[in-house]
Amino acid sequence: PQSSRQDPVILDGIAGSPGLAIGRAMVIETLRPGVVHRRLSKHQAHEEVERYRIAVESAAAELQEAASRAVGGPVEASILQAYVLMVQDQTLRDEVERRIELDLVCAEWAIDIAVERMASQLAQAPEPYLAERSHDVQFVGDRILAILSGRRARVSLPDTDEMWVIVAHDLSPAETASFSRDRVQAIITE
């Protein structure tokens, strides 16, 4: 009889921390979903701005909760606190609300436009640290978009006692904060 086991896959890369992990892999898809593009009538703009503001408050509360349970310690918690501030950023808020009210586009479309513009500006910065922050802006936008679309499900592990090696294109600190150290042996990202 044939075994149901597959041949092992060995991944080489640059280690972020010392050690060796052997375990069952869980591949997590983290690509950005599509964004709704819906035009509004003038009288719908106020409701759409309110929808955006409620989503921002909810995203900030979720990130605050993740920061309070951060297993990585004060460094990870401070990164999550920075995300809370970014979600509530007045420049982002002004840009999104302006697009809703003047361009008469839905909140999702306005967020997508504003975030892409801000992320693009950061990505072109000559300073590598600032250029890398473009990913943070996109994460913040994705967090608000997820709330607006009802996709609040976070990365979660199956309800077993099994240890996992998480494999993903990229993970944010908020996503990794949801992992329990006694269930995840390693995280592999591109």
Protein backbone atom coordinates (compact mmCIF):
# COMPACT_ATOMS: atom_id res chain seq x y z
CA PRO A 1 0.00 0.00 0.00
CA GLN A 2 1.09 3.54 -0.72
CA SER A 3 1.87 5.90 2.13
CA SER A 4 -0.22 9.06 2.45
CA ARG A 5 2.91 10.99 3.46
CA GLN A 6 4.46 13.33 0.91
CA ASP A 7 8.15 13.83 0.43
CA PRO A 8 9.53 16.56 2.69
CA VAL A 9 10.17 20.02 1.27
CA ILE A 10 13.30 21.80 2.42
CA LEU A 11 13.29 25.60 2.28
CA ASP A 12 16.50 27.57 2.49
CA GLY A 13 16.69 31.25 3.37
CA ILE A 14 17.98 33.83 5.78
CA ALA A 15 17.10 33.05 9.37
CA GLY A 16 15.46 35.74 11.45
CA SER A 17 16.26 33.83 14.63
CA PRO A 18 18.42 30.82 15.53
CA GLY A 19 17.13 27.26 15.53
CA LEU A 20 15.67 24.52 13.42
CA ALA A 21 12.01 23.69 12.95
CA ILE A 22 10.51 20.56 11.51
CA GLY A 23 6.78 20.37 11.31
CA ARG A 24 3.63 20.31 9.29
CA ALA A 25 3.30 23.36 7.04
CA MET A 26 0.26 25.60 6.91
CA VAL A 27 0.28 27.83 3.85
CA ILE A 28 -1.60 31.08 4.41
CA GLU A 29 -2.78 33.17 1.49
CA THR A 30 -2.21 36.85 2.21
CA LEU A 31 -2.72 38.42 -1.22
CA ARG A 32 -4.94 41.48 -1.31
CA PRO A 33 -8.53 40.82 -2.35
CA GLY A 34 -10.28 42.94 -4.96
CA VAL A 35 -11.79 46.28 -3.95
CA VAL A 36 -15.39 47.33 -4.58
CA HIS A 37 -15.77 50.28 -6.98
CA ARG A 38 -19.20 51.83 -6.48
CA ARG A 39 -20.34 55.33 -7.38
CA LEU A 40 -22.50 57.26 -4.92
CA SER A 41 -25.21 59.82 -5.27
CA LYS A 42 -24.60 63.10 -3.46
CA HIS A 43 -27.01 62.25 -0.62
CA GLN A 44 -25.18 58.94 0.10
CA ALA A 45 -21.79 60.57 0.77
CA HIS A 46 -22.51 61.44 4.41
CA GLU A 47 -23.56 57.86 5.21
CA GLU A 48 -20.46 56.53 3.44
CA VAL A 49 -18.16 58.80 5.46
CA GLU A 50 -19.85 57.54 8.63
CA ARG A 51 -19.36 53.95 7.45
CA TYR A 52 -15.66 54.69 6.96
CA ARG A 53 -15.33 56.30 10.42
CA ILE A 54 -16.98 53.30 12.12
CA ALA A 55 -14.60 50.94 10.28
CA VAL A 56 -11.61 53.02 11.42
CA GLU A 57 -12.77 52.86 15.04
CA SER A 58 -13.26 49.10 14.76
CA ALA A 59 -9.84 48.58 13.14
CA ALA A 60 -8.17 50.66 15.86
CA ALA A 61 -9.94 48.64 18.57
CA GLU A 62 -8.88 45.32 16.97
CA LEU A 63 -5.27 46.47 16.72
CA GLN A 64 -5.35 47.74 20.30
CA GLU A 65 -6.63 44.33 21.40
CA ALA A 66 -3.85 42.60 19.44
CA ALA A 67 -1.29 44.90 21.09
CA SER A 68 -2.60 44.04 24.54
CA ARG A 69 -2.10 40.32 23.93
CA ALA A 70 1.14 40.57 21.91
CA VAL A 71 3.26 37.55 22.72
CA GLY A 72 6.42 39.09 21.29
CA GLY A 73 6.75 41.52 24.16
CA PRO A 74 7.08 45.29 24.19
CA VAL A 75 8.64 45.57 20.70
CA GLU A 76 5.74 43.83 19.00
CA ALA A 77 3.24 45.73 21.14
CA SER A 78 4.82 49.04 20.13
CA ILE A 79 4.58 48.10 16.44
CA LEU A 80 0.90 47.34 16.90
CA GLN A 81 0.42 50.65 18.74
CA ALA A 82 1.99 52.38 15.73
CA TYR A 83 -0.58 50.65 13.51
CA VAL A 84 -3.35 51.99 15.77
CA LEU A 85 -2.02 55.50 15.16
CA MET A 86 -1.71 54.88 11.42
CA VAL A 87 -5.31 53.64 11.17
CA GLN A 88 -6.44 56.85 12.87
CA ASP A 89 -4.07 59.09 10.85
CA GLN A 90 -5.71 62.43 10.03
CA THR A 91 -4.03 62.69 6.61
CA LEU A 92 -5.47 59.33 5.56
CA ARG A 93 -8.86 60.24 7.01
CA ASP A 94 -8.95 63.60 5.21
CA GLU A 95 -7.96 62.03 1.88
CA VAL A 96 -10.54 59.22 2.13
CA GLU A 97 -13.35 61.54 3.20
CA ARG A 98 -12.45 64.04 0.46
CA ARG A 99 -12.62 61.31 -2.18
CA ILE A 100 -15.97 60.10 -0.86
CA GLU A 101 -17.50 63.59 -0.75
CA LEU A 102 -16.01 65.09 -3.92
CA ASP A 103 -15.49 62.08 -6.20
CA LEU A 104 -18.66 60.37 -4.90
CA VAL A 105 -17.03 56.94 -4.61
CA CYS A 106 -17.67 54.31 -1.95
CA ALA A 107 -15.44 54.08 1.12
CA GLU A 108 -13.63 50.99 -0.19
CA TRP A 109 -12.69 52.70 -3.43
CA ALA A 110 -11.66 55.89 -1.63
CA ILE A 111 -9.45 53.93 0.79
CA ASP A 112 -7.84 52.01 -2.07
CA ILE A 113 -7.02 55.23 -3.93
CA ALA A 114 -5.70 57.03 -0.84
CA VAL A 115 -3.64 54.09 0.41
CA GLU A 116 -2.12 53.39 -3.01
CA ARG A 117 -1.17 57.05 -3.35
CA MET A 118 0.42 57.21 0.12
CA ALA A 119 2.17 53.85 -0.26
CA SER A 120 3.52 54.82 -3.67
CA GLN A 121 4.95 58.06 -2.29
CA LEU A 122 6.64 56.18 0.55
CA ALA A 123 7.96 53.43 -1.75
CA GLN A 124 9.75 56.09 -3.82
CA ALA A 125 11.48 57.61 -0.80
CA PRO A 126 15.28 57.50 -1.04
CA GLU A 127 15.52 56.37 2.60
CA PRO A 128 15.07 52.54 2.75
CA TYR A 129 13.33 52.72 6.14
CA LEU A 130 10.65 55.07 4.76
CA ALA A 131 10.31 53.04 1.56
CA GLU A 132 9.60 49.92 3.63
CA ARG A 133 6.80 51.75 5.49
CA SER A 134 4.74 51.57 2.29
CA HIS A 135 3.84 48.00 3.31
CA ASP A 136 2.58 49.28 6.66
CA VAL A 137 0.28 51.77 4.93
CA GLN A 138 -1.09 48.98 2.74
CA PHE A 139 -1.64 46.76 5.79
CA VAL A 140 -3.58 49.53 7.52
CA GLY A 141 -5.74 50.06 4.42
CA ASP A 142 -6.34 46.31 4.12
CA ARG A 143 -7.39 46.16 7.77
CA ILE A 144 -10.03 48.85 7.26
CA LEU A 145 -11.16 47.26 3.97
CA ALA A 146 -11.57 43.89 5.68
CA ILE A 147 -13.87 45.43 8.27
CA LEU A 148 -15.93 47.23 5.63
CA SER A 149 -16.38 44.02 3.64
CA GLY A 150 -17.11 41.81 6.65
CA ARG A 151 -13.92 39.73 6.15
CA ARG A 152 -12.92 39.96 9.77
CA ALA A 153 -11.63 36.41 10.01
CA ARG A 154 -8.03 36.50 11.09
CA VAL A 155 -5.41 33.88 10.44
CA SER A 156 -6.26 30.97 12.68
CA LEU A 157 -4.86 27.53 13.28
CA PRO A 158 -6.90 24.32 13.18
CA ASP A 159 -8.26 23.20 16.53
CA THR A 160 -5.70 20.45 17.15
CA ASP A 161 -2.68 20.01 19.38
CA GLU A 162 -0.41 19.83 16.35
CA MET A 163 2.62 22.12 15.99
CA TRP A 164 2.75 24.19 12.79
CA VAL A 165 5.25 25.86 10.48
CA ILE A 166 3.45 28.87 9.01
CA VAL A 167 4.28 29.70 5.38
CA ALA A 168 3.07 32.97 3.85
CA HIS A 169 4.07 35.61 1.37
CA ASP A 170 4.05 38.16 4.17
CA LEU A 171 2.51 38.53 7.63
CA SER A 172 1.96 41.66 9.66
CA PRO A 173 2.75 41.91 13.37
CA ALA A 174 -1.00 41.94 14.03
CA GLU A 175 -1.39 38.62 12.22
CA THR A 176 1.55 36.99 13.98
CA ALA A 177 0.31 38.26 17.35
CA SER A 178 -2.67 35.94 16.96
CA PHE A 179 -0.42 32.85 16.92
CA SER A 180 0.18 30.95 20.12
CA ARG A 181 3.85 30.13 20.71
CA ASP A 182 2.94 26.65 21.89
CA ARG A 183 1.30 25.92 18.49
CA VAL A 184 3.71 27.56 16.00
CA GLN A 185 7.26 26.26 15.60
CA ALA A 186 8.36 28.59 12.83
CA ILE A 187 7.18 31.26 10.43
CA ILE A 188 8.46 31.41 6.86
CA THR A 189 7.78 34.51 4.78
CA GLU A 190 8.99 35.74 1.45
